Amino acid sequence: MMKKWVRGDLFLLAVSLLITLLAGYIGGRFTSTSVSDWYLTLVKPSFTPPSSLFAPVWTILYILMGISLFLILRENTDIYNVRQAIKFFIIQLLLNVLWSFAFFYLQSPFLGLIVIILLWAGIIATIQAARKVSQPAALLLYPYLLWVTFAAVLNAAIWWLNR
């Protein structure tokens, strides 16, 4: 059963979206340092999506993450589980930004691969922790997990083809 909206929920939703979209913006800044030059020189696998797909997909995923964070933050039934979910959420969000830094800013597909594996594990841990607080919050993270799974395979292929 969904909780009713209460005073402050709109503000909490806005803050949650701001947090995740800010992480996306920071990661985008790291990405922009080499996406139009170094990245173009890499050998990429045949399943690499067109570059124009990445920004819209990531924007949608950051919005879904923000809504998930909102659903976690507005729960007050089990403070320990809420804190655990928030902790894992923050860790995976930091790893998300760190991946862009490692792969694009440092121009290291290998380091990116290490970070994205940690990110993938962080998303799994976040989903498990969120499920204890809000089933909808956990479900909203599955598209993100699927995309990061694909991104990890793509990252691994790029590293392999360019080693």
C-alpha atoms as a PDB file:
ATOM      1  CA  MET A   1       0.000   0.000   0.000  1.00  0.00           C
ATOM      2  CA  MET A   2       1.358   3.415  -0.991  1.00  0.00           C
ATOM      3  CA  LYS A   3       1.754   6.051   1.693  1.00  0.00           C
ATOM      4  CA  LYS A   4      -0.349   9.184   1.407  1.00  0.00           C
ATOM      5  CA  TRP A   5       1.386  12.389   0.439  1.00  0.00           C
ATOM      6  CA  VAL A   6       2.104  14.595   3.445  1.00  0.00           C
ATOM      7  CA  ARG A   7       3.404  18.110   3.894  1.00  0.00           C
ATOM      8  CA  GLY A   8       7.036  18.264   2.894  1.00  0.00           C
ATOM      9  CA  ASP A   9       6.902  15.330   0.468  1.00  0.00           C
ATOM     10  CA  LEU A  10       7.151  17.569  -2.584  1.00  0.00           C
ATOM     11  CA  PHE A  11      10.242  19.245  -1.122  1.00  0.00           C
ATOM     12  CA  LEU A  12      11.738  15.842  -0.220  1.00  0.00           C
ATOM     13  CA  LEU A  13      11.072  14.590  -3.752  1.00  0.00           C
ATOM     14  CA  ALA A  14      12.725  17.698  -5.223  1.00  0.00           C
ATOM     15  CA  VAL A  15      15.793  17.253  -2.988  1.00  0.00           C
ATOM     16  CA  SER A  16      16.010  13.549  -3.853  1.00  0.00           C
ATOM     17  CA  LEU A  17      15.862  14.304  -7.571  1.00  0.00           C
ATOM     18  CA  LEU A  18      18.387  17.116  -7.166  1.00  0.00           C
ATOM     19  CA  ILE A  19      20.836  14.755  -5.443  1.00  0.00           C
ATOM     20  CA  THR A  20      20.696  12.109  -8.159  1.00  0.00           C
ATOM     21  CA  LEU A  21      20.631  14.561 -11.056  1.00  0.00           C
ATOM     22  CA  LEU A  22      23.587  16.409  -9.520  1.00  0.00           C
ATOM     23  CA  ALA A  23      25.520  13.139  -9.449  1.00  0.00           C
ATOM     24  CA  GLY A  24      24.620  12.695 -13.112  1.00  0.00           C
ATOM     25  CA  TYR A  25      25.769  16.221 -13.879  1.00  0.00           C
ATOM     26  CA  ILE A  26      29.122  15.686 -12.138  1.00  0.00           C
ATOM     27  CA  GLY A  27      29.612  12.376 -13.934  1.00  0.00           C
ATOM     28  CA  GLY A  28      28.684  14.093 -17.183  1.00  0.00           C
ATOM     29  CA  ARG A  29      31.353  16.711 -16.611  1.00  0.00           C
ATOM     30  CA  PHE A  30      33.968  13.969 -16.232  1.00  0.00           C
ATOM     31  CA  THR A  31      32.602  12.234 -19.331  1.00  0.00           C
ATOM     32  CA  SER A  32      32.712  15.400 -21.421  1.00  0.00           C
ATOM     33  CA  THR A  33      36.490  15.680 -20.913  1.00  0.00           C
ATOM     34  CA  SER A  34      37.149  12.911 -23.416  1.00  0.00           C
ATOM     35  CA  VAL A  35      33.934  11.682 -25.015  1.00  0.00           C
ATOM     36  CA  SER A  36      34.481  13.743 -28.166  1.00  0.00           C
ATOM     37  CA  ASP A  37      38.145  12.868 -28.668  1.00  0.00           C
ATOM     38  CA  TRP A  38      39.771   9.992 -26.722  1.00  0.00           C
ATOM     39  CA  TYR A  39      36.601   7.871 -26.611  1.00  0.00           C
ATOM     40  CA  LEU A  40      36.192   8.173 -30.398  1.00  0.00           C
ATOM     41  CA  THR A  41      39.635   6.628 -30.912  1.00  0.00           C
ATOM     42  CA  LEU A  42      38.780   3.451 -28.983  1.00  0.00           C
ATOM     43  CA  VAL A  43      37.904   0.217 -30.707  1.00  0.00           C
ATOM     44  CA  LYS A  44      34.350  -0.595 -29.613  1.00  0.00           C
ATOM     45  CA  PRO A  45      32.291  -3.785 -29.915  1.00  0.00           C
ATOM     46  CA  SER A  46      29.503  -4.081 -32.472  1.00  0.00           C
ATOM     47  CA  PHE A  47      26.836  -3.828 -29.751  1.00  0.00           C
ATOM     48  CA  THR A  48      27.915  -0.313 -28.715  1.00  0.00           C
ATOM     49  CA  PRO A  49      24.803   1.892 -28.745  1.00  0.00           C
ATOM     50  CA  PRO A  50      24.858   5.234 -30.558  1.00  0.00           C
ATOM     51  CA  SER A  51      26.296   8.038 -28.430  1.00  0.00           C
ATOM     52  CA  SER A  52      22.998   9.924 -28.658  1.00  0.00           C
ATOM     53  CA  LEU A  53      21.319   7.207 -26.554  1.00  0.00           C
ATOM     54  CA  PHE A  54      23.429   7.618 -23.426  1.00  0.00           C
ATOM     55  CA  ALA A  55      22.258  11.023 -22.157  1.00  0.00           C
ATOM     56  CA  PRO A  56      18.496  10.290 -22.375  1.00  0.00           C
ATOM     57  CA  VAL A  57      18.877   6.838 -20.817  1.00  0.00           C
ATOM     58  CA  TRP A  58      21.009   8.147 -17.956  1.00  0.00           C
ATOM     59  CA  THR A  59      18.622  11.057 -17.358  1.00  0.00           C
ATOM     60  CA  ILE A  60      15.694   8.656 -17.000  1.00  0.00           C
ATOM     61  CA  LEU A  61      17.728   6.408 -14.712  1.00  0.00           C
ATOM     62  CA  TYR A  62      18.756   9.329 -12.480  1.00  0.00           C
ATOM     63  CA  ILE A  63      15.097  10.366 -12.211  1.00  0.00           C
ATOM     64  CA  LEU A  64      14.097   6.817 -11.255  1.00  0.00           C
ATOM     65  CA  MET A  65      16.922   6.751  -8.701  1.00  0.00           C
ATOM     66  CA  GLY A  66      15.724  10.066  -7.289  1.00  0.00           C
ATOM     67  CA  ILE A  67      12.181   8.755  -6.885  1.00  0.00           C
ATOM     68  CA  SER A  68      13.579   5.627  -5.241  1.00  0.00           C
ATOM     69  CA  LEU A  69      15.606   7.746  -2.824  1.00  0.00           C
ATOM     70  CA  PHE A  70      12.491   9.787  -2.048  1.00  0.00           C
ATOM     71  CA  LEU A  71      10.512   6.635  -1.240  1.00  0.00           C
ATOM     72  CA  ILE A  72      13.283   5.476   1.085  1.00  0.00           C
ATOM     73  CA  LEU A  73      13.680   8.847   2.812  1.00  0.00           C
ATOM     74  CA  ARG A  74       9.980   9.272   3.515  1.00  0.00           C
ATOM     75  CA  GLU A  75       9.756   5.981   5.384  1.00  0.00           C
ATOM     76  CA  ASN A  76       9.942   6.158   9.156  1.00  0.00           C
ATOM     77  CA  THR A  77       8.840   2.681  10.148  1.00  0.00           C
ATOM     78  CA  ASP A  78      12.245   1.089  10.725  1.00  0.00           C
ATOM     79  CA  ILE A  79      14.987   3.673  11.155  1.00  0.00           C
ATOM     80  CA  TYR A  80      17.811   1.095  11.046  1.00  0.00           C
ATOM     81  CA  ASN A  81      16.696  -0.284   7.673  1.00  0.00           C
ATOM     82  CA  VAL A  82      16.102   3.226   6.317  1.00  0.00           C
ATOM     83  CA  ARG A  83      19.631   4.235   7.338  1.00  0.00           C
ATOM     84  CA  GLN A  84      21.069   1.089   5.758  1.00  0.00           C
ATOM     85  CA  ALA A  85      19.238   1.780   2.499  1.00  0.00           C
ATOM     86  CA  ILE A  86      20.419   5.400   2.494  1.00  0.00           C
ATOM     87  CA  LYS A  87      23.998   4.315   3.224  1.00  0.00           C
ATOM     88  CA  PHE A  88      24.049   1.870   0.314  1.00  0.00           C
ATOM     89  CA  PHE A  89      22.304   4.379  -1.920  1.00  0.00           C
ATOM     90  CA  ILE A  90      25.017   6.978  -1.222  1.00  0.00           C
ATOM     91  CA  ILE A  91      27.804   4.437  -1.781  1.00  0.00           C
ATOM     92  CA  GLN A  92      26.436   3.339  -5.161  1.00  0.00           C
ATOM     93  CA  LEU A  93      25.831   6.951  -6.209  1.00  0.00           C
ATOM     94  CA  LEU A  94      29.446   7.847  -5.377  1.00  0.00           C
ATOM     95  CA  LEU A  95      30.637   4.790  -7.322  1.00  0.00           C
ATOM     96  CA  ASN A  96      28.467   5.930 -10.226  1.00  0.00           C
ATOM     97  CA  VAL A  97      30.319   9.261 -10.355  1.00  0.00           C
ATOM     98  CA  LEU A  98      33.654   7.528  -9.765  1.00  0.00           C
ATOM     99  CA  TRP A  99      33.086   5.341 -12.838  1.00  0.00           C
ATOM    100  CA  SER A 100      32.851   8.403 -15.104  1.00  0.00           C
ATOM    101  CA  PHE A 101      35.979   9.776 -13.471  1.00  0.00           C
ATOM    102  CA  ALA A 102      37.912   6.523 -13.918  1.00  0.00           C
ATOM    103  CA  PHE A 103      36.772   5.631 -17.420  1.00  0.00           C
ATOM    104  CA  PHE A 104      36.555   9.042 -19.091  1.00  0.00           C
ATOM    105  CA  TYR A 105      38.541  11.546 -17.033  1.00  0.00           C
ATOM    106  CA  LEU A 106      41.439   9.170 -16.341  1.00  0.00           C
ATOM    107  CA  GLN A 107      40.858   7.501 -19.729  1.00  0.00           C
ATOM    108  CA  SER A 108      41.206   4.071 -18.177  1.00  0.00           C
ATOM    109  CA  PRO A 109      38.809   1.342 -19.324  1.00  0.00           C
ATOM    110  CA  PHE A 110      40.550  -1.060 -16.922  1.00  0.00           C
ATOM    111  CA  LEU A 111      40.042   1.156 -13.870  1.00  0.00           C
ATOM    112  CA  GLY A 112      36.516   1.847 -15.107  1.00  0.00           C
ATOM    113  CA  LEU A 113      35.880  -1.903 -15.230  1.00  0.00           C
ATOM    114  CA  ILE A 114      36.976  -2.313 -11.610  1.00  0.00           C
ATOM    115  CA  VAL A 115      34.746   0.577 -10.516  1.00  0.00           C
ATOM    116  CA  ILE A 116      31.720  -0.578 -12.508  1.00  0.00           C
ATOM    117  CA  ILE A 117      31.936  -4.038 -10.950  1.00  0.00           C
ATOM    118  CA  LEU A 118      31.897  -2.374  -7.525  1.00  0.00           C
ATOM    119  CA  LEU A 119      29.022  -0.167  -8.706  1.00  0.00           C
ATOM    120  CA  TRP A 120      27.061  -3.224  -9.844  1.00  0.00           C
ATOM    121  CA  ALA A 121      27.544  -4.838  -6.419  1.00  0.00           C
ATOM    122  CA  GLY A 122      26.579  -1.547  -4.771  1.00  0.00           C
ATOM    123  CA  ILE A 123      23.338  -1.399  -6.756  1.00  0.00           C
ATOM    124  CA  ILE A 124      22.485  -4.986  -5.738  1.00  0.00           C
ATOM    125  CA  ALA A 125      23.144  -4.093  -2.083  1.00  0.00           C
ATOM    126  CA  THR A 126      21.022  -0.952  -2.450  1.00  0.00           C
ATOM    127  CA  ILE A 127      18.130  -2.911  -3.954  1.00  0.00           C
ATOM    128  CA  GLN A 128      18.304  -5.472  -1.148  1.00  0.00           C
ATOM    129  CA  ALA A 129      18.390  -2.743   1.508  1.00  0.00           C
ATOM    130  CA  ALA A 130      15.657  -0.697  -0.184  1.00  0.00           C
ATOM    131  CA  ARG A 131      13.387  -3.752  -0.413  1.00  0.00           C
ATOM    132  CA  LYS A 132      13.300  -3.881   3.407  1.00  0.00           C
ATOM    133  CA  VAL A 133      12.025  -0.288   3.450  1.00  0.00           C
ATOM    134  CA  SER A 134       9.937   0.145   0.305  1.00  0.00           C
ATOM    135  CA  GLN A 135       9.256  -2.440  -2.376  1.00  0.00           C
ATOM    136  CA  PRO A 136       8.512   0.292  -4.986  1.00  0.00           C
ATOM    137  CA  ALA A 137      11.854   1.974  -4.163  1.00  0.00           C
ATOM    138  CA  ALA A 138      13.658  -1.301  -4.834  1.00  0.00           C
ATOM    139  CA  LEU A 139      11.738  -1.951  -8.057  1.00  0.00           C
ATOM    140  CA  LEU A 140      12.628   1.487  -9.426  1.00  0.00           C
ATOM    141  CA  LEU A 141      16.323   0.529  -9.273  1.00  0.00           C
ATOM    142  CA  TYR A 142      16.041  -2.520 -11.545  1.00  0.00           C
ATOM    143  CA  PRO A 143      16.271  -0.578 -14.839  1.00  0.00           C
ATOM    144  CA  TYR A 144      19.444   1.027 -13.449  1.00  0.00           C
ATOM    145  CA  LEU A 145      20.849  -2.409 -12.574  1.00  0.00           C
ATOM    146  CA  LEU A 146      20.071  -3.695 -16.071  1.00  0.00           C
ATOM    147  CA  TRP A 147      21.711  -0.687 -17.736  1.00  0.00           C
ATOM    148  CA  VAL A 148      24.803  -0.913 -15.531  1.00  0.00           C
ATOM    149  CA  THR A 149      25.007  -4.636 -16.299  1.00  0.00           C
ATOM    150  CA  PHE A 150      25.023  -3.785 -19.999  1.00  0.00           C
ATOM    151  CA  ALA A 151      27.503  -0.936 -19.383  1.00  0.00           C
ATOM    152  CA  ALA A 152      29.806  -3.316 -17.506  1.00  0.00           C
ATOM    153  CA  VAL A 153      29.808  -5.752 -20.435  1.00  0.00           C
ATOM    154  CA  LEU A 154      30.460  -2.847 -22.802  1.00  0.00           C
ATOM    155  CA  ASN A 155      33.240  -1.528 -20.545  1.00  0.00           C
ATOM    156  CA  ALA A 156      34.827  -4.990 -20.398  1.00  0.00           C
ATOM    157  CA  ALA A 157      34.676  -5.351 -24.181  1.00  0.00           C
ATOM    158  CA  ILE A 158      36.217  -1.916 -24.709  1.00  0.00           C
ATOM    159  CA  TRP A 159      39.009  -2.744 -22.269  1.00  0.00           C
ATOM    160  CA  TRP A 160      39.617  -6.099 -23.981  1.00  0.00           C
ATOM    161  CA  LEU A 161      39.646  -4.629 -27.489  1.00  0.00           C
ATOM    162  CA  ASN A 162      42.013  -1.799 -26.520  1.00  0.00           C
ATOM    163  CA  ARG A 163      44.449  -3.491 -24.129  1.00  0.00           C
END
